[in-house]
Amino acid sequence: THVAANLAAVFAQRGDRVLLIDADLRRGQVQKLFRMPRSRGLAGILAGRSSKRPIKSITGLPGLSVLPSGPRPPNPSELLGTPVFARLLAHLSPRFSMIIIDTGAACESADGQMVADVAGAAIIVARSHQTAVEPLRRLGQDLLASGVHVPGVVYNDG
């Protein structure tokens, strides 16, 4: 989450219009990180329960908007696997120069790979002393085999 948020902030400071989507429907932290009040978000949109616009502009970072995960649903994988998610990305893409999607750890669920399949690209984040090399290699191979562009790996020491 911190890597995605920092990346989004850097691009927004550069002048890009950036949307950060919290697609970690199990333990989303983007709302907390940006000190946003608990509100509707991606889960509500995917479940068809959100009529309000949950995308919020971040004060102090012009160009950065956030779509929080919203309340935790009982079926995160099912929601992320629906065609609604792909349609949402297609609808939002023209409004932003970049969309960064934060997901949960690949070792915890298949949600991240499902999101990468829809997005078409993924940056893998590895954590020092926690990410084993072999599962990381397999993840990269799986993403590439499913047609996902993987421009690189971020090695996070903290």
N, C-alpha and C. Protein backbone atom coordinates (compact mmCIF):
# COMPACT_ATOMS: atom_id res chain seq x y z
N THR A 1 0.82 -1.20 0.00
CA THR A 1 0.00 0.00 0.00
C THR A 1 0.86 1.25 0.00
N HIS A 2 1.92 1.25 0.81
CA HIS A 2 2.78 2.43 0.86
C HIS A 2 3.50 2.65 -0.47
N VAL A 3 3.92 1.57 -1.11
CA VAL A 3 4.58 1.70 -2.40
C VAL A 3 3.60 2.28 -3.43
N ALA A 4 2.39 1.75 -3.48
CA ALA A 4 1.39 2.25 -4.43
C ALA A 4 1.04 3.71 -4.16
N ALA A 5 0.85 4.05 -2.88
CA ALA A 5 0.49 5.42 -2.52
C ALA A 5 1.63 6.39 -2.85
N ASN A 6 2.86 6.00 -2.55
CA ASN A 6 3.99 6.87 -2.86
C ASN A 6 4.18 7.04 -4.36
N LEU A 7 4.00 5.97 -5.09
CA LEU A 7 4.10 6.05 -6.55
C LEU A 7 3.03 6.98 -7.11
N ALA A 8 1.81 6.85 -6.61
CA ALA A 8 0.71 7.72 -7.05
C ALA A 8 1.01 9.18 -6.72
N ALA A 9 1.53 9.43 -5.53
CA ALA A 9 1.85 10.80 -5.12
C ALA A 9 2.95 11.41 -5.99
N VAL A 10 3.97 10.63 -6.30
CA VAL A 10 5.07 11.12 -7.13
C VAL A 10 4.56 11.52 -8.52
N PHE A 11 3.75 10.67 -9.12
CA PHE A 11 3.23 11.00 -10.45
C PHE A 11 2.29 12.20 -10.40
N ALA A 12 1.50 12.31 -9.34
CA ALA A 12 0.61 13.48 -9.20
C ALA A 12 1.44 14.76 -9.04
N GLN A 13 2.51 14.70 -8.26
CA GLN A 13 3.37 15.87 -8.08
C GLN A 13 4.07 16.26 -9.38
N ARG A 14 4.25 15.29 -10.24
CA ARG A 14 4.86 15.54 -11.54
C ARG A 14 3.89 16.22 -12.50
N GLY A 15 2.61 16.23 -12.14
CA GLY A 15 1.61 16.89 -12.97
C GLY A 15 0.61 15.96 -13.63
N ASP A 16 0.75 14.65 -13.39
CA ASP A 16 -0.20 13.71 -13.97
C ASP A 16 -1.50 13.68 -13.17
N ARG A 17 -2.58 13.32 -13.85
CA ARG A 17 -3.85 13.06 -13.16
C ARG A 17 -3.87 11.58 -12.83
N VAL A 18 -3.80 11.27 -11.54
CA VAL A 18 -3.60 9.90 -11.07
C VAL A 18 -4.79 9.46 -10.21
N LEU A 19 -5.22 8.24 -10.46
CA LEU A 19 -6.23 7.61 -9.61
C LEU A 19 -5.58 6.43 -8.92
N LEU A 20 -5.65 6.41 -7.60
CA LEU A 20 -5.19 5.28 -6.80
C LEU A 20 -6.42 4.51 -6.36
N ILE A 21 -6.51 3.26 -6.81
CA ILE A 21 -7.65 2.40 -6.45
C ILE A 21 -7.19 1.40 -5.41
N ASP A 22 -7.90 1.33 -4.29
CA ASP A 22 -7.61 0.34 -3.27
C ASP A 22 -8.45 -0.90 -3.58
N ALA A 23 -7.82 -1.87 -4.25
CA ALA A 23 -8.51 -3.11 -4.60
C ALA A 23 -8.20 -4.23 -3.60
N ASP A 24 -7.64 -3.87 -2.45
CA ASP A 24 -7.46 -4.85 -1.39
C ASP A 24 -8.75 -4.86 -0.59
N LEU A 25 -9.69 -5.65 -1.07
CA LEU A 25 -11.02 -5.68 -0.46
C LEU A 25 -11.04 -6.45 0.86
N ARG A 26 -9.93 -7.07 1.20
CA ARG A 26 -9.84 -7.82 2.46
C ARG A 26 -9.32 -6.96 3.60
N ARG A 27 -8.32 -6.12 3.32
CA ARG A 27 -7.70 -5.29 4.36
C ARG A 27 -7.26 -3.94 3.82
N GLY A 28 -8.09 -3.31 3.05
CA GLY A 28 -7.72 -2.04 2.43
C GLY A 28 -7.24 -1.01 3.45
N GLN A 29 -6.15 -0.34 3.12
CA GLN A 29 -5.54 0.63 4.04
C GLN A 29 -5.40 2.03 3.43
N VAL A 30 -5.77 2.20 2.18
CA VAL A 30 -5.56 3.49 1.53
C VAL A 30 -6.36 4.59 2.22
N GLN A 31 -7.60 4.32 2.61
CA GLN A 31 -8.42 5.31 3.31
C GLN A 31 -7.70 5.79 4.56
N LYS A 32 -7.18 4.85 5.31
CA LYS A 32 -6.48 5.17 6.56
C LYS A 32 -5.21 5.97 6.27
N LEU A 33 -4.47 5.56 5.26
CA LEU A 33 -3.21 6.22 4.92
C LEU A 33 -3.42 7.69 4.56
N PHE A 34 -4.51 7.98 3.85
CA PHE A 34 -4.80 9.35 3.44
C PHE A 34 -5.76 10.05 4.40
N ARG A 35 -6.01 9.44 5.53
CA ARG A 35 -6.88 9.99 6.58
C ARG A 35 -8.25 10.38 6.04
N MET A 36 -8.81 9.46 5.28
CA MET A 36 -10.13 9.68 4.71
C MET A 36 -11.16 9.05 5.63
N PRO A 37 -12.33 9.66 5.75
CA PRO A 37 -13.38 9.02 6.56
C PRO A 37 -13.83 7.71 5.91
N ARG A 38 -14.28 6.78 6.72
CA ARG A 38 -14.79 5.50 6.21
C ARG A 38 -15.95 5.80 5.29
N SER A 39 -15.90 5.31 4.10
CA SER A 39 -16.96 5.61 3.13
C SER A 39 -17.13 4.46 2.16
N ARG A 40 -18.09 4.65 1.31
CA ARG A 40 -18.31 3.68 0.25
C ARG A 40 -17.07 3.66 -0.64
N GLY A 41 -16.95 2.58 -1.40
CA GLY A 41 -15.78 2.51 -2.26
C GLY A 41 -15.96 1.46 -3.33
N LEU A 42 -14.83 0.87 -3.71
CA LEU A 42 -14.81 -0.09 -4.80
C LEU A 42 -15.74 -1.28 -4.55
N ALA A 43 -15.75 -1.79 -3.34
CA ALA A 43 -16.61 -2.95 -3.04
C ALA A 43 -18.07 -2.65 -3.32
N GLY A 44 -18.52 -1.46 -2.93
CA GLY A 44 -19.91 -1.07 -3.18
C GLY A 44 -20.22 -0.93 -4.66
N ILE A 45 -19.27 -0.37 -5.42
CA ILE A 45 -19.46 -0.23 -6.86
C ILE A 45 -19.58 -1.61 -7.51
N LEU A 46 -18.65 -2.52 -7.16
CA LEU A 46 -18.65 -3.84 -7.77
C LEU A 46 -19.88 -4.66 -7.39
N ALA A 47 -20.42 -4.41 -6.19
CA ALA A 47 -21.61 -5.13 -5.74
C ALA A 47 -22.89 -4.47 -6.23
N GLY A 48 -22.77 -3.32 -6.90
CA GLY A 48 -23.95 -2.62 -7.42
C GLY A 48 -24.71 -1.88 -6.35
N ARG A 49 -24.06 -1.56 -5.23
CA ARG A 49 -24.75 -0.90 -4.12
C ARG A 49 -24.35 0.55 -3.94
N SER A 50 -23.50 1.07 -4.78
CA SER A 50 -23.01 2.44 -4.58
C SER A 50 -23.52 3.34 -5.69
N SER A 51 -24.39 4.26 -5.31
CA SER A 51 -24.89 5.22 -6.29
C SER A 51 -24.10 6.53 -6.20
N LYS A 52 -23.43 6.75 -5.07
CA LYS A 52 -22.61 7.95 -4.90
C LYS A 52 -21.27 7.77 -5.57
N ARG A 53 -20.60 8.87 -5.82
CA ARG A 53 -19.25 8.86 -6.40
C ARG A 53 -18.24 8.76 -5.28
N PRO A 54 -17.67 7.59 -5.05
CA PRO A 54 -16.74 7.45 -3.93
C PRO A 54 -15.31 7.89 -4.23
N ILE A 55 -15.03 8.38 -5.44
CA ILE A 55 -13.68 8.85 -5.76
C ILE A 55 -13.49 10.22 -5.14
N LYS A 56 -12.41 10.35 -4.36
CA LYS A 56 -12.15 11.60 -3.64
C LYS A 56 -10.81 12.18 -4.08
N SER A 57 -10.79 13.50 -4.28
CA SER A 57 -9.54 14.21 -4.56
C SER A 57 -8.80 14.38 -3.24
N ILE A 58 -7.48 14.29 -3.30
CA ILE A 58 -6.67 14.41 -2.10
C ILE A 58 -6.21 15.86 -1.95
N THR A 59 -6.61 16.50 -0.87
CA THR A 59 -6.21 17.86 -0.58
C THR A 59 -4.70 17.91 -0.38
N GLY A 60 -4.06 18.86 -0.98
CA GLY A 60 -2.62 19.01 -0.83
C GLY A 60 -1.82 18.27 -1.90
N LEU A 61 -2.49 17.42 -2.66
CA LEU A 61 -1.83 16.71 -3.77
C LEU A 61 -2.69 16.86 -5.02
N PRO A 62 -2.65 18.04 -5.64
CA PRO A 62 -3.46 18.23 -6.84
C PRO A 62 -3.14 17.16 -7.88
N GLY A 63 -4.17 16.65 -8.48
CA GLY A 63 -3.98 15.62 -9.50
C GLY A 63 -4.14 14.22 -8.97
N LEU A 64 -4.17 14.04 -7.64
CA LEU A 64 -4.32 12.70 -7.07
C LEU A 64 -5.73 12.50 -6.55
N SER A 65 -6.35 11.45 -7.03
CA SER A 65 -7.67 11.03 -6.55
C SER A 65 -7.57 9.60 -6.05
N VAL A 66 -8.46 9.26 -5.13
CA VAL A 66 -8.44 7.93 -4.51
C VAL A 66 -9.83 7.31 -4.56
N LEU A 67 -9.86 6.05 -4.95
CA LEU A 67 -11.08 5.24 -4.84
C LEU A 67 -10.79 4.22 -3.75
N PRO A 68 -11.34 4.44 -2.53
CA PRO A 68 -11.06 3.52 -1.44
C PRO A 68 -11.72 2.17 -1.64
N SER A 69 -11.31 1.20 -0.85
CA SER A 69 -11.89 -0.14 -0.97
C SER A 69 -13.32 -0.19 -0.45
N GLY A 70 -13.63 0.63 0.55
CA GLY A 70 -14.95 0.62 1.15
C GLY A 70 -15.06 -0.49 2.18
N PRO A 71 -16.26 -0.70 2.71
CA PRO A 71 -16.45 -1.75 3.72
C PRO A 71 -16.10 -3.13 3.16
N ARG A 72 -15.55 -3.98 4.01
CA ARG A 72 -15.13 -5.32 3.58
C ARG A 72 -16.34 -6.18 3.20
N PRO A 73 -16.32 -6.68 1.96
CA PRO A 73 -17.42 -7.55 1.52
C PRO A 73 -17.15 -9.01 1.95
N PRO A 74 -18.17 -9.84 1.93
CA PRO A 74 -17.97 -11.24 2.28
C PRO A 74 -17.32 -12.05 1.15
N ASN A 75 -17.27 -11.48 -0.06
CA ASN A 75 -16.81 -12.21 -1.23
C ASN A 75 -15.86 -11.41 -2.11
N PRO A 76 -14.69 -11.01 -1.59
CA PRO A 76 -13.79 -10.14 -2.37
C PRO A 76 -13.39 -10.70 -3.73
N SER A 77 -13.01 -11.97 -3.78
CA SER A 77 -12.57 -12.55 -5.06
C SER A 77 -13.69 -12.55 -6.09
N GLU A 78 -14.89 -12.87 -5.65
CA GLU A 78 -16.02 -12.88 -6.58
C GLU A 78 -16.26 -11.49 -7.16
N LEU A 79 -16.17 -10.46 -6.32
CA LEU A 79 -16.40 -9.10 -6.80
C LEU A 79 -15.32 -8.66 -7.79
N LEU A 80 -14.06 -8.95 -7.46
CA LEU A 80 -12.97 -8.55 -8.35
C LEU A 80 -12.98 -9.32 -9.67
N GLY A 81 -13.60 -10.49 -9.67
CA GLY A 81 -13.65 -11.31 -10.87
C GLY A 81 -14.82 -11.01 -11.78
N THR A 82 -15.67 -10.06 -11.40
CA THR A 82 -16.82 -9.75 -12.23
C THR A 82 -16.43 -8.83 -13.39
N PRO A 83 -17.20 -8.86 -14.46
CA PRO A 83 -16.94 -7.94 -15.58
C PRO A 83 -17.12 -6.47 -15.20
N VAL A 84 -17.78 -6.21 -14.08
CA VAL A 84 -18.01 -4.83 -13.64
C VAL A 84 -16.67 -4.14 -13.39
N PHE A 85 -15.68 -4.86 -12.84
CA PHE A 85 -14.39 -4.27 -12.55
C PHE A 85 -13.70 -3.82 -13.85
N ALA A 86 -13.72 -4.66 -14.86
CA ALA A 86 -13.11 -4.30 -16.15
C ALA A 86 -13.85 -3.10 -16.76
N ARG A 87 -15.16 -3.08 -16.68
CA ARG A 87 -15.93 -1.96 -17.22
C ARG A 87 -15.63 -0.66 -16.46
N LEU A 88 -15.45 -0.79 -15.13
CA LEU A 88 -15.12 0.38 -14.33
C LEU A 88 -13.77 0.97 -14.76
N LEU A 89 -12.77 0.11 -14.92
CA LEU A 89 -11.45 0.59 -15.37
C LEU A 89 -11.54 1.24 -16.74
N ALA A 90 -12.30 0.64 -17.64
CA ALA A 90 -12.46 1.22 -18.99
C ALA A 90 -13.16 2.57 -18.92
N HIS A 91 -14.11 2.71 -18.01
CA HIS A 91 -14.84 3.97 -17.84
C HIS A 91 -13.95 5.06 -17.24
N LEU A 92 -13.08 4.68 -16.30
CA LEU A 92 -12.24 5.66 -15.61
C LEU A 92 -10.97 6.03 -16.38
N SER A 93 -10.48 5.14 -17.20
CA SER A 93 -9.20 5.36 -17.91
C SER A 93 -9.11 6.69 -18.65
N PRO A 94 -10.13 7.12 -19.39
CA PRO A 94 -9.99 8.40 -20.11
C PRO A 94 -9.88 9.62 -19.19
N ARG A 95 -10.31 9.49 -17.95
CA ARG A 95 -10.29 10.64 -17.03
C ARG A 95 -8.95 10.84 -16.34
N PHE A 96 -8.08 9.83 -16.41
CA PHE A 96 -6.80 9.88 -15.69
C PHE A 96 -5.66 9.50 -16.62
N SER A 97 -4.50 10.10 -16.39
CA SER A 97 -3.34 9.73 -17.19
C SER A 97 -2.72 8.45 -16.67
N MET A 98 -3.04 8.11 -15.42
CA MET A 98 -2.50 6.89 -14.83
C MET A 98 -3.45 6.39 -13.74
N ILE A 99 -3.65 5.07 -13.72
CA ILE A 99 -4.42 4.43 -12.65
C ILE A 99 -3.49 3.42 -11.98
N ILE A 100 -3.33 3.58 -10.68
CA ILE A 100 -2.51 2.66 -9.88
C ILE A 100 -3.46 1.90 -8.98
N ILE A 101 -3.35 0.58 -9.01
CA ILE A 101 -4.27 -0.26 -8.24
C ILE A 101 -3.48 -1.02 -7.18
N ASP A 102 -3.84 -0.80 -5.93
CA ASP A 102 -3.22 -1.51 -4.83
C ASP A 102 -4.02 -2.77 -4.55
N THR A 103 -3.30 -3.88 -4.35
CA THR A 103 -3.96 -5.14 -4.04
C THR A 103 -3.33 -5.75 -2.80
N GLY A 104 -3.96 -6.78 -2.29
CA GLY A 104 -3.38 -7.51 -1.18
C GLY A 104 -2.21 -8.35 -1.68
N ALA A 105 -1.49 -8.92 -0.74
CA ALA A 105 -0.32 -9.74 -1.06
C ALA A 105 -0.73 -10.97 -1.86
N ALA A 106 0.07 -11.29 -2.86
CA ALA A 106 -0.22 -12.44 -3.73
C ALA A 106 -0.19 -13.75 -2.97
N CYS A 107 0.57 -13.80 -1.89
CA CYS A 107 0.65 -15.04 -1.11
C CYS A 107 -0.60 -15.28 -0.26
N GLU A 108 -1.44 -14.26 -0.11
CA GLU A 108 -2.62 -14.39 0.74
C GLU A 108 -3.89 -14.76 -0.03
N SER A 109 -3.95 -14.39 -1.30
CA SER A 109 -5.12 -14.72 -2.11
C SER A 109 -4.78 -14.51 -3.58
N ALA A 110 -5.70 -14.91 -4.44
CA ALA A 110 -5.49 -14.73 -5.88
C ALA A 110 -6.02 -13.38 -6.36
N ASP A 111 -6.47 -12.54 -5.44
CA ASP A 111 -7.07 -11.26 -5.81
C ASP A 111 -6.11 -10.40 -6.65
N GLY A 112 -4.86 -10.32 -6.24
CA GLY A 112 -3.89 -9.49 -6.94
C GLY A 112 -3.71 -9.92 -8.38
N GLN A 113 -3.64 -11.23 -8.59
CA GLN A 113 -3.47 -11.72 -9.96
C GLN A 113 -4.73 -11.47 -10.79
N MET A 114 -5.88 -11.57 -10.16
CA MET A 114 -7.13 -11.28 -10.88
C MET A 114 -7.15 -9.81 -11.33
N VAL A 115 -6.72 -8.92 -10.45
CA VAL A 115 -6.69 -7.50 -10.79
C VAL A 115 -5.67 -7.25 -11.89
N ALA A 116 -4.51 -7.88 -11.78
CA ALA A 116 -3.46 -7.72 -12.81
C ALA A 116 -3.95 -8.21 -14.16
N ASP A 117 -4.69 -9.30 -14.19
CA ASP A 117 -5.23 -9.81 -15.45
C ASP A 117 -6.14 -8.78 -16.11
N VAL A 118 -6.95 -8.10 -15.32
CA VAL A 118 -7.86 -7.09 -15.87
C VAL A 118 -7.08 -5.84 -16.28
N ALA A 119 -6.14 -5.42 -15.43
CA ALA A 119 -5.37 -4.21 -15.69
C ALA A 119 -4.38 -4.38 -16.84
N GLY A 120 -3.86 -5.59 -16.99
CA GLY A 120 -2.92 -5.86 -18.07
C GLY A 120 -1.46 -5.61 -17.72
N ALA A 121 -1.21 -5.10 -16.52
CA ALA A 121 0.16 -4.83 -16.09
C ALA A 121 0.24 -4.90 -14.57
N ALA A 122 1.42 -5.21 -14.07
CA ALA A 122 1.61 -5.29 -12.62
C ALA A 122 3.07 -5.04 -12.27
N ILE A 123 3.27 -4.31 -11.20
CA ILE A 123 4.59 -4.20 -10.60
C ILE A 123 4.55 -5.06 -9.35
N ILE A 124 5.50 -5.95 -9.23
CA ILE A 124 5.56 -6.84 -8.08
C ILE A 124 6.35 -6.17 -6.98
N VAL A 125 5.84 -6.24 -5.76
CA VAL A 125 6.54 -5.67 -4.61
C VAL A 125 7.01 -6.83 -3.74
N ALA A 126 8.32 -6.87 -3.50
CA ALA A 126 8.91 -7.90 -2.65
C ALA A 126 9.43 -7.23 -1.38
N ARG A 127 9.28 -7.90 -0.27
CA ARG A 127 9.71 -7.34 1.00
C ARG A 127 10.92 -8.09 1.54
N SER A 128 11.91 -7.33 1.94
CA SER A 128 13.14 -7.88 2.50
C SER A 128 12.84 -8.79 3.69
N HIS A 129 13.47 -9.95 3.71
CA HIS A 129 13.36 -10.92 4.80
C HIS A 129 11.96 -11.53 4.95
N GLN A 130 11.06 -11.27 4.00
CA GLN A 130 9.72 -11.86 4.06
C GLN A 130 9.32 -12.55 2.77
N THR A 131 9.78 -12.05 1.64
CA THR A 131 9.40 -12.62 0.36
C THR A 131 10.44 -13.64 -0.07
N ALA A 132 9.98 -14.88 -0.24
CA ALA A 132 10.88 -15.95 -0.69
C ALA A 132 11.07 -15.85 -2.20
N VAL A 133 12.25 -16.18 -2.67
CA VAL A 133 12.59 -16.03 -4.08
C VAL A 133 11.76 -16.93 -4.98
N GLU A 134 11.59 -18.18 -4.62
CA GLU A 134 10.89 -19.11 -5.50
C GLU A 134 9.42 -18.73 -5.73
N PRO A 135 8.64 -18.42 -4.69
CA PRO A 135 7.26 -17.97 -4.94
C PRO A 135 7.22 -16.67 -5.76
N LEU A 136 8.19 -15.80 -5.55
CA LEU A 136 8.27 -14.56 -6.32
C LEU A 136 8.50 -14.86 -7.80
N ARG A 137 9.40 -15.79 -8.08
CA ARG A 137 9.69 -16.19 -9.45
C ARG A 137 8.44 -16.81 -10.10
N ARG A 138 7.75 -17.68 -9.35
CA ARG A 138 6.53 -18.31 -9.88
C ARG A 138 5.45 -17.27 -10.17
N LEU A 139 5.31 -16.30 -9.27
CA LEU A 139 4.32 -15.24 -9.48
C LEU A 139 4.62 -14.50 -10.77
N GLY A 140 5.87 -14.11 -10.96
CA GLY A 140 6.25 -13.42 -12.19
C GLY A 140 5.96 -14.25 -13.42
N GLN A 141 6.29 -15.54 -13.37
CA GLN A 141 6.03 -16.43 -14.51
C GLN A 141 4.53 -16.56 -14.77
N ASP A 142 3.74 -16.69 -13.69
CA ASP A 142 2.28 -16.82 -13.86
C ASP A 142 1.68 -15.57 -14.49
N LEU A 143 2.15 -14.41 -14.03
CA LEU A 143 1.64 -13.16 -14.59
C LEU A 143 1.99 -13.05 -16.07
N LEU A 144 3.24 -13.32 -16.40
CA LEU A 144 3.66 -13.26 -17.80
C LEU A 144 2.90 -14.26 -18.66
N ALA A 145 2.69 -15.47 -18.14
CA ALA A 145 1.97 -16.51 -18.89
C ALA A 145 0.52 -16.11 -19.16
N SER A 146 -0.06 -15.30 -18.27
CA SER A 146 -1.44 -14.88 -18.49
C SER A 146 -1.53 -13.58 -19.30
N GLY A 147 -0.39 -13.12 -19.82
CA GLY A 147 -0.39 -11.95 -20.69
C GLY A 147 -0.24 -10.62 -19.97
N VAL A 148 0.08 -10.66 -18.69
CA VAL A 148 0.25 -9.43 -17.92
C VAL A 148 1.67 -8.90 -18.13
N HIS A 149 1.77 -7.62 -18.45
CA HIS A 149 3.07 -6.96 -18.60
C HIS A 149 3.63 -6.69 -17.19
N VAL A 150 4.86 -7.12 -16.94
CA VAL A 150 5.50 -6.90 -15.64
C VAL A 150 6.76 -6.08 -15.88
N PRO A 151 6.67 -4.75 -15.73
CA PRO A 151 7.82 -3.91 -16.00
C PRO A 151 8.94 -4.01 -14.97
N GLY A 152 8.62 -4.55 -13.78
CA GLY A 152 9.69 -4.67 -12.80
C GLY A 152 9.21 -5.11 -11.45
N VAL A 153 10.18 -5.18 -10.54
CA VAL A 153 9.94 -5.58 -9.15
C VAL A 153 10.47 -4.46 -8.26
N VAL A 154 9.70 -4.09 -7.26
CA VAL A 154 10.16 -3.14 -6.26
C VAL A 154 10.58 -3.94 -5.05
N TYR A 155 11.83 -3.73 -4.63
CA TYR A 155 12.35 -4.40 -3.45
C TYR A 155 12.22 -3.43 -2.28
N ASN A 156 11.33 -3.75 -1.35
CA ASN A 156 11.02 -2.88 -0.24
C ASN A 156 11.71 -3.40 1.01
N ASP A 157 12.52 -2.57 1.62
CA ASP A 157 13.30 -2.99 2.78
C ASP A 157 12.54 -2.84 4.09
N GLY A 158 11.34 -2.28 4.05
CA GLY A 158 10.67 -2.04 5.33
C GLY A 158 9.27 -2.50 5.39
